[in-house]
Amino acid sequence: MTTQTLKLNVKTGEKDGKNFWDRCGVVFVNTDDDENITSLTVKHNMFPNVEMVAFPKRDNDDN
């Protein structure tokens, strides 16, 4: 299993054509040995004690 880490940034302002960003969280992309995504875990600074997890849609899901 491999995990990729992606930074979440939010634009906080702009001055003289330059953008300013703050890091607001991290997304962890978990994959199996065949590089298929098995789950996503999000940690966000607006919800410091909450671990958010998402799974990809399965073939037998109705939605």
Protein backbone atom coordinates (compact mmCIF):
# COMPACT_ATOMS: atom_id res chain seq x y z
CA MET A 1 0.00 0.00 0.00
CA THR A 2 1.25 3.46 -0.93
CA THR A 3 0.16 6.82 0.42
CA GLN A 4 0.46 10.12 -1.41
CA THR A 5 0.17 13.37 0.52
CA LEU A 6 -1.37 16.50 -1.03
CA LYS A 7 -1.43 19.93 0.60
CA LEU A 8 -4.69 21.88 0.74
CA ASN A 9 -4.21 25.62 0.36
CA VAL A 10 -6.67 28.50 0.48
CA LYS A 11 -6.08 31.84 -1.22
CA THR A 12 -5.96 34.50 1.47
CA GLY A 13 -5.25 37.56 -0.61
CA GLU A 14 -3.68 39.25 -3.56
CA LYS A 15 -1.43 42.31 -3.75
CA ASP A 16 0.46 43.75 -6.70
CA GLY A 17 -0.43 40.72 -8.83
CA LYS A 18 0.96 38.28 -6.26
CA ASN A 19 -1.25 35.66 -4.60
CA PHE A 20 -0.96 34.74 -0.93
CA TRP A 21 -1.89 31.25 0.29
CA ASP A 22 -2.31 29.56 3.67
CA ARG A 23 -2.10 25.82 4.16
CA CYS A 24 -5.46 24.70 5.52
CA GLY A 25 -5.11 20.92 5.49
CA VAL A 26 -3.77 17.72 4.00
CA VAL A 27 -5.25 14.95 1.84
CA PHE A 28 -3.80 11.44 2.11
CA VAL A 29 -4.46 9.28 -0.97
CA ASN A 30 -4.12 5.59 -0.07
CA THR A 31 -3.59 3.08 -2.89
CA ASP A 32 -3.21 -0.68 -3.15
CA ASP A 33 -0.28 -2.47 -4.82
CA ASP A 34 -1.91 -2.00 -8.25
CA GLU A 35 -2.11 1.79 -7.67
CA ASN A 36 -5.92 1.73 -7.31
CA ILE A 37 -7.20 4.32 -4.82
CA THR A 38 -8.53 2.54 -1.76
CA SER A 39 -9.40 5.59 0.37
CA LEU A 40 -8.87 9.30 0.92
CA THR A 41 -8.26 10.79 4.34
CA VAL A 42 -8.61 14.54 4.87
CA LYS A 43 -7.33 16.55 7.81
CA HIS A 44 -8.50 20.17 7.76
CA ASN A 45 -7.64 22.95 10.20
CA MET A 46 -11.31 24.05 10.44
CA PHE A 47 -12.08 20.62 11.94
CA PRO A 48 -8.95 19.81 13.97
CA ASN A 49 -10.35 16.81 15.86
CA VAL A 50 -12.26 15.28 12.93
CA GLU A 51 -10.79 12.73 10.54
CA MET A 52 -12.70 12.72 7.26
CA VAL A 53 -12.48 9.60 5.11
CA ALA A 54 -13.87 9.03 1.62
CA PHE A 55 -13.94 5.89 -0.44
CA PRO A 56 -14.33 5.67 -4.21
CA LYS A 57 -17.72 4.68 -5.63
CA ARG A 58 -18.16 0.92 -5.88
CA ASP A 59 -19.70 -0.84 -8.91
CA ASN A 60 -22.71 -1.93 -6.84
CA ASP A 61 -23.49 1.54 -5.40
CA ASP A 62 -26.86 2.98 -6.42
CA ASN A 63 -25.73 6.62 -6.65
